[in-house]
Amino acid sequence: MANFDESLEIARKRLLFRSWHRGTREMDLLLGRFAERNLQTFSRRQVELYEAMLEHSDSDLYDWMGGREEPPTVLDHDVMKLLINFKFIA
């Protein structure tokens, strides 16, 4: 069980880094804050879904988060809904 927990923790750390280093300052802030507040509570499945979301371009993610476009059906899951509904201003 320790290996499972350890690998999940490593994945969370990797995704936190990727969230804060997207390429545009806007997406760094949006995804970095989201990841800081949510990754530690994500299940392995949710971590995997979030990792797959990060494979999409910043412009696509920004449009989906802002409601300019609908996310593809493959991203119709709880993690994307959390991201879309996330309150970025504290």
N, C-alpha and C. Protein backbone atom coordinates (compact mmCIF):
# COMPACT_ATOMS: atom_id res chain seq x y z
N MET A 1 0.82 -1.20 0.00
CA MET A 1 0.00 0.00 0.00
C MET A 1 0.86 1.25 0.00
N ALA A 2 2.04 1.19 0.60
CA ALA A 2 2.90 2.37 0.66
C ALA A 2 3.31 2.81 -0.74
N ASN A 3 3.62 1.86 -1.63
CA ASN A 3 3.99 2.22 -3.00
C ASN A 3 2.85 2.91 -3.72
N PHE A 4 1.64 2.44 -3.52
CA PHE A 4 0.46 3.05 -4.13
C PHE A 4 0.31 4.49 -3.65
N ASP A 5 0.38 4.69 -2.33
CA ASP A 5 0.25 6.04 -1.77
C ASP A 5 1.39 6.94 -2.22
N GLU A 6 2.60 6.38 -2.27
CA GLU A 6 3.76 7.15 -2.67
C GLU A 6 3.65 7.58 -4.13
N SER A 7 3.25 6.67 -5.00
CA SER A 7 3.13 7.01 -6.41
C SER A 7 2.02 8.03 -6.64
N LEU A 8 0.95 7.96 -5.87
CA LEU A 8 -0.12 8.94 -5.98
C LEU A 8 0.38 10.31 -5.53
N GLU A 9 1.15 10.34 -4.46
CA GLU A 9 1.70 11.60 -3.97
C GLU A 9 2.68 12.21 -4.99
N ILE A 10 3.48 11.38 -5.61
CA ILE A 10 4.40 11.86 -6.65
C ILE A 10 3.61 12.43 -7.82
N ALA A 11 2.54 11.75 -8.22
CA ALA A 11 1.70 12.25 -9.31
C ALA A 11 1.09 13.60 -8.95
N ARG A 12 0.63 13.73 -7.72
CA ARG A 12 0.05 15.01 -7.28
C ARG A 12 1.08 16.13 -7.34
N LYS A 13 2.29 15.86 -6.89
CA LYS A 13 3.35 16.88 -6.92
C LYS A 13 3.70 17.26 -8.36
N ARG A 14 3.78 16.28 -9.23
CA ARG A 14 4.08 16.54 -10.63
C ARG A 14 2.98 17.40 -11.27
N LEU A 15 1.73 17.09 -10.97
CA LEU A 15 0.62 17.85 -11.54
C LEU A 15 0.54 19.25 -10.96
N LEU A 16 0.89 19.41 -9.70
CA LEU A 16 0.93 20.75 -9.12
C LEU A 16 1.97 21.60 -9.84
N PHE A 17 3.13 21.03 -10.09
CA PHE A 17 4.16 21.75 -10.84
C PHE A 17 3.68 22.11 -12.24
N ARG A 18 3.11 21.14 -12.94
CA ARG A 18 2.60 21.39 -14.30
C ARG A 18 1.51 22.45 -14.30
N SER A 19 0.70 22.48 -13.27
CA SER A 19 -0.39 23.46 -13.19
C SER A 19 0.16 24.88 -13.03
N TRP A 20 1.24 25.02 -12.30
CA TRP A 20 1.85 26.34 -12.07
C TRP A 20 2.79 26.76 -13.20
N HIS A 21 3.07 25.86 -14.15
CA HIS A 21 4.03 26.15 -15.23
C HIS A 21 3.42 25.78 -16.58
N ARG A 22 2.37 26.48 -16.94
CA ARG A 22 1.65 26.18 -18.17
C ARG A 22 2.21 26.89 -19.40
N GLY A 23 2.72 28.07 -19.22
CA GLY A 23 3.22 28.81 -20.38
C GLY A 23 2.66 30.22 -20.46
N THR A 24 1.46 30.40 -19.94
CA THR A 24 0.90 31.76 -19.85
C THR A 24 0.63 32.05 -18.38
N ARG A 25 0.87 33.28 -18.00
CA ARG A 25 0.70 33.65 -16.59
C ARG A 25 -0.74 33.43 -16.12
N GLU A 26 -1.70 33.72 -17.01
CA GLU A 26 -3.11 33.56 -16.65
C GLU A 26 -3.42 32.10 -16.30
N MET A 27 -2.97 31.18 -17.15
CA MET A 27 -3.25 29.77 -16.89
C MET A 27 -2.44 29.25 -15.71
N ASP A 28 -1.23 29.79 -15.53
CA ASP A 28 -0.45 29.41 -14.33
C ASP A 28 -1.26 29.72 -13.08
N LEU A 29 -1.82 30.91 -13.03
CA LEU A 29 -2.59 31.33 -11.85
C LEU A 29 -3.88 30.53 -11.70
N LEU A 30 -4.61 30.37 -12.79
CA LEU A 30 -5.89 29.66 -12.72
C LEU A 30 -5.70 28.20 -12.32
N LEU A 31 -4.86 27.49 -13.07
CA LEU A 31 -4.68 26.07 -12.80
C LEU A 31 -3.85 25.82 -11.55
N GLY A 32 -2.89 26.69 -11.28
CA GLY A 32 -2.08 26.54 -10.07
C GLY A 32 -2.91 26.64 -8.81
N ARG A 33 -3.76 27.64 -8.76
CA ARG A 33 -4.63 27.80 -7.58
C ARG A 33 -5.62 26.65 -7.46
N PHE A 34 -6.19 26.24 -8.59
CA PHE A 34 -7.11 25.11 -8.58
C PHE A 34 -6.41 23.86 -8.04
N ALA A 35 -5.22 23.59 -8.56
CA ALA A 35 -4.48 22.40 -8.13
C ALA A 35 -4.11 22.47 -6.66
N GLU A 36 -3.67 23.63 -6.20
CA GLU A 36 -3.31 23.78 -4.78
C GLU A 36 -4.48 23.47 -3.86
N ARG A 37 -5.65 23.86 -4.27
CA ARG A 37 -6.83 23.68 -3.40
C ARG A 37 -7.50 22.32 -3.55
N ASN A 38 -7.21 21.61 -4.63
CA ASN A 38 -7.97 20.38 -4.87
C ASN A 38 -7.16 19.09 -4.98
N LEU A 39 -5.94 19.14 -5.46
CA LEU A 39 -5.21 17.90 -5.74
C LEU A 39 -5.08 16.97 -4.55
N GLN A 40 -4.87 17.50 -3.36
CA GLN A 40 -4.65 16.64 -2.19
C GLN A 40 -5.89 15.82 -1.82
N THR A 41 -7.05 16.26 -2.26
CA THR A 41 -8.27 15.52 -1.95
C THR A 41 -8.72 14.62 -3.11
N PHE A 42 -8.04 14.71 -4.24
CA PHE A 42 -8.44 13.92 -5.40
C PHE A 42 -8.10 12.45 -5.20
N SER A 43 -9.00 11.59 -5.65
CA SER A 43 -8.74 10.16 -5.70
C SER A 43 -7.76 9.88 -6.85
N ARG A 44 -7.27 8.66 -6.92
CA ARG A 44 -6.38 8.30 -8.03
C ARG A 44 -7.09 8.54 -9.37
N ARG A 45 -8.34 8.17 -9.47
CA ARG A 45 -9.09 8.37 -10.71
C ARG A 45 -9.14 9.85 -11.07
N GLN A 46 -9.42 10.70 -10.09
CA GLN A 46 -9.49 12.13 -10.34
C GLN A 46 -8.13 12.71 -10.73
N VAL A 47 -7.07 12.20 -10.12
CA VAL A 47 -5.72 12.64 -10.49
C VAL A 47 -5.46 12.28 -11.95
N GLU A 48 -5.85 11.09 -12.36
CA GLU A 48 -5.66 10.67 -13.75
C GLU A 48 -6.49 11.52 -14.71
N LEU A 49 -7.72 11.85 -14.32
CA LEU A 49 -8.56 12.71 -15.16
C LEU A 49 -7.95 14.10 -15.28
N TYR A 50 -7.45 14.64 -14.18
CA TYR A 50 -6.84 15.97 -14.21
C TYR A 50 -5.59 15.96 -15.09
N GLU A 51 -4.80 14.90 -14.97
CA GLU A 51 -3.60 14.80 -15.80
C GLU A 51 -3.96 14.78 -17.28
N ALA A 52 -5.01 14.06 -17.65
CA ALA A 52 -5.45 14.03 -19.04
C ALA A 52 -5.94 15.41 -19.49
N MET A 53 -6.60 16.14 -18.60
CA MET A 53 -7.06 17.50 -18.94
C MET A 53 -5.89 18.41 -19.27
N LEU A 54 -4.80 18.26 -18.54
CA LEU A 54 -3.64 19.12 -18.74
C LEU A 54 -2.94 18.88 -20.08
N GLU A 55 -3.30 17.82 -20.76
CA GLU A 55 -2.74 17.57 -22.09
C GLU A 55 -3.34 18.50 -23.13
N HIS A 56 -4.45 19.13 -22.82
CA HIS A 56 -5.09 20.05 -23.75
C HIS A 56 -4.39 21.41 -23.71
N SER A 57 -4.57 22.16 -24.77
CA SER A 57 -3.90 23.46 -24.87
C SER A 57 -4.48 24.46 -23.88
N ASP A 58 -3.66 25.44 -23.54
CA ASP A 58 -4.10 26.51 -22.65
C ASP A 58 -5.32 27.23 -23.21
N SER A 59 -5.30 27.49 -24.51
CA SER A 59 -6.43 28.23 -25.10
C SER A 59 -7.72 27.43 -25.02
N ASP A 60 -7.66 26.12 -25.25
CA ASP A 60 -8.87 25.30 -25.12
C ASP A 60 -9.36 25.28 -23.67
N LEU A 61 -8.45 25.04 -22.74
CA LEU A 61 -8.83 25.01 -21.33
C LEU A 61 -9.43 26.34 -20.90
N TYR A 62 -8.84 27.43 -21.33
CA TYR A 62 -9.33 28.76 -20.98
C TYR A 62 -10.74 28.98 -21.52
N ASP A 63 -10.97 28.57 -22.76
CA ASP A 63 -12.30 28.72 -23.35
C ASP A 63 -13.33 27.86 -22.62
N TRP A 64 -12.97 26.66 -22.24
CA TRP A 64 -13.90 25.79 -21.52
C TRP A 64 -14.18 26.33 -20.14
N MET A 65 -13.15 26.80 -19.47
CA MET A 65 -13.32 27.33 -18.11
C MET A 65 -14.16 28.60 -18.12
N GLY A 66 -14.01 29.39 -19.16
CA GLY A 66 -14.74 30.65 -19.25
C GLY A 66 -16.12 30.52 -19.87
N GLY A 67 -16.49 29.32 -20.28
CA GLY A 67 -17.81 29.10 -20.85
C GLY A 67 -17.95 29.56 -22.29
N ARG A 68 -16.84 29.87 -22.95
CA ARG A 68 -16.90 30.29 -24.34
C ARG A 68 -17.20 29.12 -25.27
N GLU A 69 -16.75 27.94 -24.86
CA GLU A 69 -16.99 26.72 -25.62
C GLU A 69 -17.32 25.59 -24.65
N GLU A 70 -18.02 24.61 -25.15
CA GLU A 70 -18.31 23.41 -24.35
C GLU A 70 -17.12 22.46 -24.44
N PRO A 71 -16.72 21.88 -23.32
CA PRO A 71 -15.65 20.88 -23.38
C PRO A 71 -16.11 19.66 -24.17
N PRO A 72 -15.19 18.93 -24.77
CA PRO A 72 -15.57 17.70 -25.47
C PRO A 72 -16.18 16.70 -24.49
N THR A 73 -16.96 15.80 -25.01
CA THR A 73 -17.66 14.84 -24.15
C THR A 73 -16.70 13.98 -23.33
N VAL A 74 -15.50 13.75 -23.83
CA VAL A 74 -14.52 12.96 -23.07
C VAL A 74 -14.12 13.67 -21.77
N LEU A 75 -14.33 14.98 -21.71
CA LEU A 75 -14.03 15.75 -20.50
C LEU A 75 -15.27 16.07 -19.68
N ASP A 76 -16.35 15.37 -19.95
CA ASP A 76 -17.58 15.56 -19.17
C ASP A 76 -17.50 14.69 -17.92
N HIS A 77 -16.75 15.19 -16.93
CA HIS A 77 -16.57 14.45 -15.68
C HIS A 77 -16.46 15.42 -14.51
N ASP A 78 -16.41 14.87 -13.32
CA ASP A 78 -16.45 15.69 -12.10
C ASP A 78 -15.27 16.65 -11.98
N VAL A 79 -14.10 16.28 -12.44
CA VAL A 79 -12.93 17.16 -12.30
C VAL A 79 -13.10 18.40 -13.18
N MET A 80 -13.57 18.21 -14.40
CA MET A 80 -13.80 19.37 -15.28
C MET A 80 -14.89 20.26 -14.70
N LYS A 81 -15.92 19.66 -14.13
CA LYS A 81 -16.99 20.47 -13.52
C LYS A 81 -16.45 21.26 -12.33
N LEU A 82 -15.58 20.64 -11.53
CA LEU A 82 -14.95 21.36 -10.42
C LEU A 82 -14.13 22.54 -10.93
N LEU A 83 -13.39 22.32 -12.00
CA LEU A 83 -12.57 23.39 -12.57
C LEU A 83 -13.43 24.53 -13.10
N ILE A 84 -14.48 24.20 -13.82
CA ILE A 84 -15.36 25.23 -14.38
C ILE A 84 -16.03 26.04 -13.28
N ASN A 85 -16.38 25.40 -12.18
CA ASN A 85 -17.08 26.08 -11.08
C ASN A 85 -16.15 26.64 -10.01
N PHE A 86 -14.86 26.48 -10.19
CA PHE A 86 -13.89 26.93 -9.19
C PHE A 86 -13.89 28.45 -9.09
N LYS A 87 -13.90 28.96 -7.87
CA LYS A 87 -13.85 30.41 -7.62
C LYS A 87 -12.38 30.80 -7.45
N PHE A 88 -11.85 31.50 -8.43
CA PHE A 88 -10.42 31.82 -8.45
C PHE A 88 -10.05 32.99 -7.57
N ILE A 89 -11.01 33.82 -7.24
CA ILE A 89 -10.73 34.99 -6.40
C ILE A 89 -11.08 34.62 -4.97
N ALA A 90 -10.08 34.75 -4.09
CA ALA A 90 -10.29 34.38 -2.69
C ALA A 90 -11.00 35.47 -1.93
